């Protein structure tokens, strides 16, 4: 099987050439377009999540040999959460090669955080099955890059951090307003605006209210930091 030009370009972006190209095709196949002869990426996603977890656990332990579990856990969670996987997926333009059904494409599936995060985990599994743990580790550490070095500042819950920012300035807690909801009932996408009493606000979109609120809080924090 020979990969198309766009998939070959994607191989270049993730830094791995597949000996078995079908693994990559499967990793990029969403359930909305799967069939009896074209399996989706759910099983690979399951495996990739575990491979990512192992690599990040090893990396964090080596980076800080004296850190207790209570310190390592939030760092780990920040690195393996779906939001981070989706960010990495956007970094390598995974959405442009994701294979989706018509309904998912119509509802913006190539931009959905859950789909991108799942597919990134599936790609990790595909590399692991194609070339082993060392190849998967190399790709993960390269793509996650500076996120690993700066994980300490990303590990805190952004909603808590935003509330603490407001309290330190004797302001009321931030509010979160749902400004939009799209997609089918089984796969809604929420748009949330985080607001402060001083008029500053930021908006984010995600497949769950909780994740959208966290993303909006994080975006607002970055906005506030840029003004200081």
Protein backbone atom coordinates (compact mmCIF):
# COMPACT_ATOMS: atom_id res chain seq x y z
CA UNK A 1 0.00 0.00 0.00
CA UNK A 2 1.33 3.41 -0.99
CA UNK A 3 0.29 6.46 0.99
CA UNK A 4 -1.13 9.52 -0.70
CA UNK A 5 0.94 12.69 -0.85
CA UNK A 6 -0.87 14.34 2.05
CA UNK A 7 -0.27 11.32 4.28
CA UNK A 8 3.39 11.20 3.29
CA UNK A 9 3.63 14.87 4.26
CA UNK A 10 1.99 14.02 7.58
CA UNK A 11 4.63 11.32 8.14
CA UNK A 12 7.22 14.04 7.75
CA UNK A 13 5.48 16.25 10.28
CA UNK A 14 5.42 13.52 12.94
CA UNK A 15 8.91 12.29 12.08
CA UNK A 16 8.08 8.66 11.31
CA UNK A 17 7.91 6.72 8.03
CA UNK A 18 5.65 3.70 8.32
CA UNK A 19 6.76 0.25 7.27
CA UNK A 20 3.08 -0.71 7.41
CA UNK A 21 1.17 2.29 6.00
CA UNK A 22 -2.19 0.69 6.79
CA UNK A 23 -1.53 1.37 10.47
CA UNK A 24 -1.45 5.10 9.79
CA UNK A 25 -4.61 4.97 7.69
CA UNK A 26 -6.41 3.13 10.46
CA UNK A 27 -5.18 5.60 13.09
CA UNK A 28 -6.71 8.44 11.10
CA UNK A 29 -10.07 6.73 10.41
CA UNK A 30 -12.93 7.99 12.57
CA UNK A 31 -15.91 5.79 13.40
CA UNK A 32 -18.17 7.97 11.25
CA UNK A 33 -16.57 6.56 8.10
CA UNK A 34 -15.55 3.07 9.24
CA UNK A 35 -16.90 -0.14 7.71
CA UNK A 36 -16.37 -3.88 7.87
CA UNK A 37 -13.33 -3.52 5.63
CA UNK A 38 -12.17 -0.19 7.07
CA UNK A 39 -11.82 -0.40 10.88
CA UNK A 40 -11.87 2.81 12.91
CA UNK A 41 -9.17 4.08 15.27
CA UNK A 42 -10.82 3.32 18.63
CA UNK A 43 -8.70 0.30 19.51
CA UNK A 44 -5.54 2.17 18.53
CA UNK A 45 -6.67 5.12 20.64
CA UNK A 46 -6.98 2.79 23.64
CA UNK A 47 -3.43 1.52 23.14
CA UNK A 48 -1.96 4.92 22.34
CA UNK A 49 -3.31 6.39 25.56
CA UNK A 50 -1.38 3.75 27.52
CA UNK A 51 1.82 4.20 25.51
CA UNK A 52 1.66 7.97 26.04
CA UNK A 53 1.08 7.42 29.74
CA UNK A 54 4.10 5.13 30.06
CA UNK A 55 6.41 7.50 28.19
CA UNK A 56 5.30 10.51 30.24
CA UNK A 57 5.58 8.60 33.52
CA UNK A 58 9.15 7.57 32.67
CA UNK A 59 10.06 11.07 31.54
CA UNK A 60 8.71 12.79 34.65
CA UNK A 61 10.40 10.32 36.99
CA UNK A 62 13.76 10.85 35.28
CA UNK A 63 13.37 14.62 35.19
CA UNK A 64 12.70 14.93 38.93
CA UNK A 65 13.93 11.85 40.86
CA UNK A 66 12.97 13.31 44.24
CA UNK A 67 9.44 14.49 43.40
CA UNK A 68 6.66 12.77 45.40
CA UNK A 69 3.62 11.24 43.73
CA UNK A 70 1.50 14.22 44.74
CA UNK A 71 3.76 16.48 42.68
CA UNK A 72 4.13 14.14 39.71
CA UNK A 73 0.42 13.38 39.29
CA UNK A 74 -0.75 16.86 38.21
CA UNK A 75 2.22 17.19 35.88
CA UNK A 76 1.36 13.83 34.33
CA UNK A 77 -2.32 14.73 33.98
CA UNK A 78 -1.43 18.00 32.26
CA UNK A 79 0.70 16.19 29.68
CA UNK A 80 -1.64 13.32 28.80
CA UNK A 81 -5.04 15.04 28.97
CA UNK A 82 -7.14 15.13 25.81
CA UNK A 83 -6.71 18.88 25.50
CA UNK A 84 -2.92 18.55 25.27
CA UNK A 85 -3.18 15.70 22.76
CA UNK A 86 -5.48 17.87 20.65
CA UNK A 87 -3.00 20.76 20.83
CA UNK A 88 -0.25 18.47 19.55
CA UNK A 89 -2.60 17.24 16.81
CA UNK A 90 -3.18 20.82 15.68
CA UNK A 91 0.58 21.42 15.75
CA UNK A 92 1.08 18.69 13.11
CA UNK A 93 -2.12 19.56 11.18
CA UNK A 94 -3.63 16.17 11.92
CA UNK A 95 -7.11 17.49 11.21
CA UNK A 96 -6.30 17.91 7.52
CA UNK A 97 -5.70 14.17 7.08
CA UNK A 98 -8.37 12.86 9.46
CA UNK A 99 -10.81 10.58 7.64
CA UNK A 100 -14.37 11.53 8.61
CA UNK A 101 -17.91 10.80 7.53
CA UNK A 102 -20.02 13.51 5.93
CA UNK A 103 -21.95 14.28 9.14
CA UNK A 104 -18.79 14.86 11.17
CA UNK A 105 -17.29 17.05 8.47
CA UNK A 106 -20.44 19.19 8.40
CA UNK A 107 -20.22 19.78 12.16
CA UNK A 108 -16.54 20.80 12.10
CA UNK A 109 -15.09 17.43 13.04
CA UNK A 110 -11.60 18.36 11.84
CA UNK A 111 -11.47 21.01 14.57
CA UNK A 112 -13.12 19.09 17.41
CA UNK A 113 -10.88 18.63 20.40
CA UNK A 114 -12.11 15.13 21.25
CA UNK A 115 -11.62 13.82 17.71
CA UNK A 116 -8.17 15.36 17.38
CA UNK A 117 -7.06 14.10 20.79
CA UNK A 118 -8.31 10.59 20.10
CA UNK A 119 -6.63 10.49 16.70
CA UNK A 120 -3.32 11.71 18.14
CA UNK A 121 -3.39 8.84 20.64
CA UNK A 122 -4.20 6.45 17.79
CA UNK A 123 -1.21 7.73 15.80
CA UNK A 124 1.01 7.07 18.82
CA UNK A 125 -0.24 3.48 18.91
CA UNK A 126 0.31 3.11 15.17
CA UNK A 127 3.95 4.18 15.52
CA UNK A 128 4.36 1.83 18.50
CA UNK A 129 2.98 -1.15 16.54
CA UNK A 130 4.97 -0.22 13.44
CA UNK A 131 8.38 0.28 15.03
CA UNK A 132 8.26 -0.34 18.79
CA UNK A 133 8.41 1.66 22.00
CA UNK A 134 11.63 3.54 21.23
CA UNK A 135 10.17 4.96 18.03
CA UNK A 136 6.97 5.95 19.79
CA UNK A 137 8.95 7.52 22.64
CA UNK A 138 11.08 9.52 20.21
CA UNK A 139 8.03 10.88 18.43
CA UNK A 140 6.19 11.75 21.65
CA UNK A 141 9.14 13.56 23.22
CA UNK A 142 9.74 15.50 20.00
CA UNK A 143 6.13 16.55 19.48
CA UNK A 144 5.40 17.34 23.13
CA UNK A 145 8.70 19.26 23.26
CA UNK A 146 8.60 22.34 25.51
CA UNK A 147 5.33 21.22 27.07
CA UNK A 148 7.34 18.78 29.15
CA UNK A 149 9.77 21.46 30.34
CA UNK A 150 6.98 23.90 31.22
CA UNK A 151 4.52 21.40 32.65
CA UNK A 152 4.83 22.84 36.16
CA UNK A 153 3.04 26.02 35.14
CA UNK A 154 0.44 24.11 33.11
CA UNK A 155 -0.36 21.54 35.79
CA UNK A 156 -2.56 23.82 37.89
CA UNK A 157 -6.26 23.88 37.08
CA UNK A 158 -6.78 27.10 35.05
CA UNK A 159 -10.17 27.84 36.64
CA UNK A 160 -8.59 27.75 40.09
CA UNK A 161 -5.69 29.90 38.92
CA UNK A 162 -8.05 32.47 37.41
CA UNK A 163 -10.12 32.61 40.58
CA UNK A 164 -6.97 33.13 42.66
CA UNK A 165 -5.92 35.92 40.29
CA UNK A 166 -9.24 37.66 40.84
CA UNK A 167 -9.21 37.17 44.61
CA UNK A 168 -5.69 38.60 44.87
CA UNK A 169 -7.06 41.80 43.32
CA UNK A 170 -10.17 41.84 45.53
CA UNK A 171 -12.40 41.08 42.56
CA UNK A 172 -15.41 38.73 42.57
CA UNK A 173 -14.87 35.24 41.13
CA UNK A 174 -14.95 34.87 37.34
CA UNK A 175 -18.18 33.83 35.68
CA UNK A 176 -18.65 31.32 32.86
CA UNK A 177 -21.36 31.92 30.28
CA UNK A 178 -22.46 29.41 27.65
CA UNK A 179 -22.66 31.41 24.44
CA UNK A 180 -23.20 28.61 21.97
CA UNK A 181 -23.91 24.93 21.44
CA UNK A 182 -23.57 23.11 18.15
CA UNK A 183 -23.61 19.56 16.83
CA UNK A 184 -25.93 16.62 17.46
CA UNK A 185 -27.21 15.74 20.92
CA UNK A 186 -24.85 12.76 21.18
CA UNK A 187 -21.79 14.89 20.36
CA UNK A 188 -22.41 18.52 21.33
CA UNK A 189 -19.78 21.23 21.11
CA UNK A 190 -19.99 24.04 23.67
CA UNK A 191 -18.72 27.60 23.46
CA UNK A 192 -18.03 29.21 26.84
CA UNK A 193 -16.98 32.76 27.70
CA UNK A 194 -14.97 33.38 30.88
CA UNK A 195 -15.56 36.87 32.24
CA UNK A 196 -14.07 39.06 34.96
CA UNK A 197 -15.73 42.04 36.57
CA UNK A 198 -13.05 44.33 35.08
CA UNK A 199 -14.43 43.63 31.60
CA UNK A 200 -11.79 41.18 30.42
CA UNK A 201 -13.06 37.97 28.83
CA UNK A 202 -12.00 35.04 26.66
CA UNK A 203 -13.93 32.39 24.77
CA UNK A 204 -13.22 28.72 24.06
CA UNK A 205 -14.97 25.80 22.38
CA UNK A 206 -14.83 22.14 23.43
CA UNK A 207 -16.95 18.96 23.44
CA UNK A 208 -17.78 19.38 27.15
CA UNK A 209 -18.67 22.38 29.28
CA UNK A 210 -15.95 21.56 31.79
CA UNK A 211 -13.19 21.47 29.19
CA UNK A 212 -14.54 24.61 27.48
CA UNK A 213 -14.55 26.46 30.81
CA UNK A 214 -10.98 25.37 31.53
CA UNK A 215 -9.83 26.41 28.07
CA UNK A 216 -11.56 29.79 28.37
CA UNK A 217 -9.97 30.34 31.78
CA UNK A 218 -6.55 29.44 30.41
CA UNK A 219 -6.99 31.80 27.46
CA UNK A 220 -8.06 34.62 29.78
CA UNK A 221 -5.06 34.04 32.05
CA UNK A 222 -2.71 34.28 29.06
CA UNK A 223 -4.47 37.46 27.99
CA UNK A 224 -4.02 38.97 31.46
CA UNK A 225 -0.37 37.92 31.63
CA UNK A 226 0.34 39.62 28.30
CA UNK A 227 -0.96 42.90 29.73
CA UNK A 228 1.34 42.85 32.79
